[in-house]
C-alpha atoms as a PDB file:
ATOM      1  CA  MET A   1      80.363  74.565 100.690  1.00  0.00           C
ATOM      2  CA  ASP A   2      77.090  72.211 102.118  1.00  0.00           C
ATOM      3  CA  GLU A   3      74.608  72.766  99.854  1.00  0.00           C
ATOM      4  CA  THR A   4      71.971  72.563 102.771  1.00  0.00           C
ATOM      5  CA  HIS A   5      73.365  75.697 103.639  1.00  0.00           C
ATOM      6  CA  PRO A   6      74.490  77.920 101.212  1.00  0.00           C
ATOM      7  CA  LEU A   7      76.727  80.845 101.709  1.00  0.00           C
ATOM      8  CA  HIS A   8      74.697  84.138 101.670  1.00  0.00           C
ATOM      9  CA  ILE A   9      77.912  86.836 101.120  1.00  0.00           C
ATOM     10  CA  GLY A  10      75.648  89.699 102.582  1.00  0.00           C
ATOM     11  CA  PHE A  11      74.696  87.607 106.011  1.00  0.00           C
ATOM     12  CA  GLU A  12      78.032  86.617 106.427  1.00  0.00           C
ATOM     13  CA  ILE A  13      79.563  90.070 106.179  1.00  0.00           C
ATOM     14  CA  ARG A  14      76.927  91.801 108.211  1.00  0.00           C
ATOM     15  CA  GLN A  15      77.374  89.282 111.177  1.00  0.00           C
ATOM     16  CA  THR A  16      80.917  89.417 110.858  1.00  0.00           C
ATOM     17  CA  SER A  17      80.730  93.650 111.100  1.00  0.00           C
ATOM     18  CA  ARG A  18      79.082  93.430 113.981  1.00  0.00           C
ATOM     19  CA  LEU A  19      80.835  91.074 116.011  1.00  0.00           C
ATOM     20  CA  ILE A  20      83.966  93.319 114.863  1.00  0.00           C
ATOM     21  CA  LYS A  21      81.971  96.331 116.147  1.00  0.00           C
ATOM     22  CA  LYS A  22      81.571  94.415 119.326  1.00  0.00           C
ATOM     23  CA  TYR A  23      85.333  93.776 119.770  1.00  0.00           C
ATOM     24  CA  ILE A  24      86.086  97.237 118.820  1.00  0.00           C
ATOM     25  CA  ASP A  25      83.448  98.637 121.235  1.00  0.00           C
ATOM     26  CA  ARG A  26      84.709  96.514 124.238  1.00  0.00           C
ATOM     27  CA  SER A  27      88.383  97.187 123.847  1.00  0.00           C
ATOM     28  CA  ALA A  28      90.219  98.191 126.902  1.00  0.00           C
ATOM     29  CA  ALA A  29      91.258 101.489 125.593  1.00  0.00           C
ATOM     30  CA  LEU A  30      88.038 102.785 124.133  1.00  0.00           C
ATOM     31  CA  GLN A  31      86.131 101.697 127.285  1.00  0.00           C
ATOM     32  CA  TYR A  32      88.649 104.523 129.370  1.00  0.00           C
ATOM     33  CA  ALA A  33      87.999 106.964 127.027  1.00  0.00           C
ATOM     34  CA  ASP A  34      84.706 109.212 127.385  1.00  0.00           C
ATOM     35  CA  GLN A  35      81.736 107.494 125.428  1.00  0.00           C
ATOM     36  CA  MET A  36      84.341 106.662 122.944  1.00  0.00           C
ATOM     37  CA  THR A  37      83.157 104.123 120.044  1.00  0.00           C
ATOM     38  CA  GLY A  38      84.788 102.133 117.441  1.00  0.00           C
ATOM     39  CA  THR A  39      83.877 104.499 115.153  1.00  0.00           C
ATOM     40  CA  HIS A  40      85.373 107.540 116.752  1.00  0.00           C
ATOM     41  CA  ALA A  41      88.459 105.754 117.177  1.00  0.00           C
ATOM     42  CA  TRP A  42      88.967 105.075 113.473  1.00  0.00           C
ATOM     43  CA  ILE A  43      87.822 109.013 112.772  1.00  0.00           C
ATOM     44  CA  LEU A  44      90.626 109.930 115.368  1.00  0.00           C
ATOM     45  CA  ARG A  45      93.276 107.797 113.654  1.00  0.00           C
ATOM     46  CA  TYR A  46      92.217 109.297 109.982  1.00  0.00           C
ATOM     47  CA  LEU A  47      92.257 112.636 111.430  1.00  0.00           C
ATOM     48  CA  GLN A  48      95.916 112.129 112.858  1.00  0.00           C
ATOM     49  CA  GLU A  49      96.885 110.255 109.427  1.00  0.00           C
ATOM     50  CA  ASN A  50      95.817 113.228 107.757  1.00  0.00           C
ATOM     51  CA  ASP A  51      97.564 116.115 110.264  1.00  0.00           C
ATOM     52  CA  GLY A  52      98.037 119.127 108.724  1.00  0.00           C
ATOM     53  CA  ALA A  53      95.759 118.313 105.455  1.00  0.00           C
ATOM     54  CA  GLU A  54      92.088 120.010 105.538  1.00  0.00           C
ATOM     55  CA  VAL A  55      89.667 117.276 106.318  1.00  0.00           C
ATOM     56  CA  PHE A  56      85.981 118.435 106.369  1.00  0.00           C
ATOM     57  CA  GLN A  57      83.003 116.347 107.435  1.00  0.00           C
ATOM     58  CA  LYS A  58      82.417 115.485 103.429  1.00  0.00           C
ATOM     59  CA  ASP A  59      85.710 113.536 103.781  1.00  0.00           C
ATOM     60  CA  ILE A  60      84.469 111.841 106.701  1.00  0.00           C
ATOM     61  CA  GLU A  61      81.675 110.612 104.939  1.00  0.00           C
ATOM     62  CA  LYS A  62      83.714 109.592 102.123  1.00  0.00           C
ATOM     63  CA  ARG A  63      86.245 107.561 103.740  1.00  0.00           C
ATOM     64  CA  PHE A  64      84.103 106.088 106.450  1.00  0.00           C
ATOM     65  CA  GLU A  65      80.713 105.859 103.261  1.00  0.00           C
ATOM     66  CA  ILE A  66      78.338 107.133 105.860  1.00  0.00           C
ATOM     67  CA  ASN A  67      75.806 109.587 104.733  1.00  0.00           C
ATOM     68  CA  ARG A  68      75.220 113.147 106.075  1.00  0.00           C
ATOM     69  CA  SER A  69      73.324 112.887 108.842  1.00  0.00           C
ATOM     70  CA  SER A  70      75.366 109.705 110.551  1.00  0.00           C
ATOM     71  CA  ALA A  71      78.327 111.770 110.004  1.00  0.00           C
ATOM     72  CA  THR A  72      76.888 114.649 111.693  1.00  0.00           C
ATOM     73  CA  GLY A  73      75.821 112.962 114.367  1.00  0.00           C
ATOM     74  CA  ILE A  74      79.134 111.164 115.199  1.00  0.00           C
ATOM     75  CA  LEU A  75      80.857 114.328 114.669  1.00  0.00           C
ATOM     76  CA  GLN A  76      78.613 116.098 117.058  1.00  0.00           C
ATOM     77  CA  LEU A  77      78.987 113.721 119.779  1.00  0.00           C
ATOM     78  CA  MET A  78      82.804 113.683 119.217  1.00  0.00           C
ATOM     79  CA  GLU A  79      82.579 117.314 119.528  1.00  0.00           C
ATOM     80  CA  LYS A  80      80.565 117.273 122.557  1.00  0.00           C
ATOM     81  CA  ASN A  81      83.174 114.611 124.452  1.00  0.00           C
ATOM     82  CA  GLY A  82      86.062 117.273 123.682  1.00  0.00           C
ATOM     83  CA  LEU A  83      87.780 114.794 120.920  1.00  0.00           C
ATOM     84  CA  ILE A  84      87.384 117.137 117.881  1.00  0.00           C
ATOM     85  CA  TYR A  85      86.328 120.858 117.191  1.00  0.00           C
ATOM     86  CA  ARG A  86      85.781 122.682 113.626  1.00  0.00           C
ATOM     87  CA  GLU A  87      87.570 125.667 112.760  1.00  0.00           C
ATOM     88  CA  GLU A  88      86.644 127.813 109.640  1.00  0.00           C
ATOM     89  CA  VAL A  89      89.030 128.213 106.799  1.00  0.00           C
ATOM     90  CA  PRO A  90      89.841 131.749 105.645  1.00  0.00           C
ATOM     91  CA  TYR A  91      88.790 131.061 102.486  1.00  0.00           C
ATOM     92  CA  ASP A  92      85.213 129.912 102.725  1.00  0.00           C
ATOM     93  CA  ALA A  93      83.104 130.800 106.206  1.00  0.00           C
ATOM     94  CA  ARG A  94      81.142 127.960 104.834  1.00  0.00           C
ATOM     95  CA  LEU A  95      83.583 125.237 105.638  1.00  0.00           C
ATOM     96  CA  LYS A  96      84.616 123.766 109.065  1.00  0.00           C
ATOM     97  CA  ARG A  97      87.968 122.009 109.050  1.00  0.00           C
ATOM     98  CA  ILE A  98      87.705 118.837 111.608  1.00  0.00           C
ATOM     99  CA  ARG A  99      90.723 119.004 114.033  1.00  0.00           C
ATOM    100  CA  LEU A 100      91.820 116.873 117.108  1.00  0.00           C
ATOM    101  CA  THR A 101      91.960 118.718 120.563  1.00  0.00           C
ATOM    102  CA  GLU A 102      94.426 117.961 123.163  1.00  0.00           C
ATOM    103  CA  LYS A 103      92.455 115.364 124.520  1.00  0.00           C
ATOM    104  CA  ALA A 104      92.329 113.356 121.066  1.00  0.00           C
ATOM    105  CA  GLU A 105      96.002 113.995 120.830  1.00  0.00           C
ATOM    106  CA  ALA A 106      96.801 112.054 124.169  1.00  0.00           C
ATOM    107  CA  LEU A 107      94.319 109.236 123.329  1.00  0.00           C
ATOM    108  CA  ASN A 108      95.645 108.518 120.027  1.00  0.00           C
ATOM    109  CA  ALA A 109      98.763 106.629 121.065  1.00  0.00           C
ATOM    110  CA  SER A 110      96.801 104.380 123.299  1.00  0.00           C
ATOM    111  CA  ILE A 111      93.971 103.959 120.079  1.00  0.00           C
ATOM    112  CA  HIS A 112      96.909 103.212 117.877  1.00  0.00           C
ATOM    113  CA  ARG A 113      98.156 100.607 119.999  1.00  0.00           C
ATOM    114  CA  GLU A 114      94.665  99.233 120.493  1.00  0.00           C
ATOM    115  CA  ILE A 115      93.759  99.237 116.823  1.00  0.00           C
ATOM    116  CA  GLY A 116      97.263  97.390 116.208  1.00  0.00           C
ATOM    117  CA  LEU A 117      95.960  94.650 118.388  1.00  0.00           C
ATOM    118  CA  ILE A 118      92.780  94.628 116.913  1.00  0.00           C
ATOM    119  CA  GLU A 119      94.105  94.418 113.511  1.00  0.00           C
ATOM    120  CA  ALA A 120      96.571  91.265 114.676  1.00  0.00           C
ATOM    121  CA  ARG A 121      93.395  89.587 116.257  1.00  0.00           C
ATOM    122  CA  LEU A 122      91.774  89.595 112.948  1.00  0.00           C
ATOM    123  CA  SER A 123      94.263  88.775 110.663  1.00  0.00           C
ATOM    124  CA  HIS A 124      95.843  86.026 113.199  1.00  0.00           C
ATOM    125  CA  GLY A 125      96.070  82.684 111.209  1.00  0.00           C
ATOM    126  CA  PHE A 126      96.212  84.131 108.149  1.00  0.00           C
ATOM    127  CA  SER A 127      99.012  84.168 105.609  1.00  0.00           C
ATOM    128  CA  GLU A 128      99.930  87.448 103.763  1.00  0.00           C
ATOM    129  CA  GLU A 129      98.680  86.069 100.049  1.00  0.00           C
ATOM    130  CA  GLU A 130      95.673  85.482 101.988  1.00  0.00           C
ATOM    131  CA  LEU A 131      95.028  88.584 103.544  1.00  0.00           C
ATOM    132  CA  LYS A 132      96.241  90.127  99.963  1.00  0.00           C
ATOM    133  CA  THR A 133      93.300  87.726  98.765  1.00  0.00           C
ATOM    134  CA  LEU A 134      90.616  88.965 100.972  1.00  0.00           C
ATOM    135  CA  SER A 135      91.417  92.657 100.503  1.00  0.00           C
ATOM    136  CA  GLY A 136      90.877  91.896  96.760  1.00  0.00           C
ATOM    137  CA  PHE A 137      87.394  90.173  97.136  1.00  0.00           C
ATOM    138  CA  LEU A 138      86.382  93.109  99.573  1.00  0.00           C
ATOM    139  CA  ASP A 139      87.273  95.687  97.358  1.00  0.00           C
ATOM    140  CA  ARG A 140      85.388  93.713  94.420  1.00  0.00           C
ATOM    141  CA  ILE A 141      82.312  93.410  96.539  1.00  0.00           C
ATOM    142  CA  ARG A 142      82.825  96.889  97.822  1.00  0.00           C
ATOM    143  CA  GLU A 143      82.696  98.096  93.697  1.00  0.00           C
ATOM    144  CA  ASN A 144      79.845  95.908  92.618  1.00  0.00           C
ATOM    145  CA  VAL A 145      77.376  97.176  95.377  1.00  0.00           C
ATOM    146  CA  GLY A 146      79.070 100.877  94.981  1.00  0.00           C
ATOM    147  CA  ARG A 147      78.390 100.900  91.174  1.00  0.00           C
ATOM    148  CA  ASP A 148      74.350  99.951  91.955  1.00  0.00           C
ATOM    149  CA  LEU A 149      74.303 102.974  94.124  1.00  0.00           C
ATOM    150  CA  GLY A 150      76.035 104.895  91.781  1.00  0.00           C
ATOM    151  CA  LEU A 151      78.917 105.429  94.211  1.00  0.00           C
END
């Protein structure tokens, strides 16, 4: 590492995250979906992967590590754009299960394909061992920060 330019992990991760977000938001499949963002695509994929399970807003908050107000805004926009709907559960009228609409189901094949292409681009040139190491490092960083935040 160059001693005149020390590594600032937080800054590097932030910059990488912003670049990945731009890349995802400009993806071909998402540009044709009604104002869908990369975050919407990841949530749709999560909902599809958990099809049949009861997924609530709190599950989205936990999985994507976002606060309640952010999750509310994202889900309201997704609902407005016809990608999800909320459905009461018979055992508690306060809870609303999040479900995919037919429109979202139709988009999911192209979303899965696009996410696969994005993941291939991000992992290009890395060996399986390097990817496992990177994953371990990122897990450790999340644990370090999460511990301080009480998560």
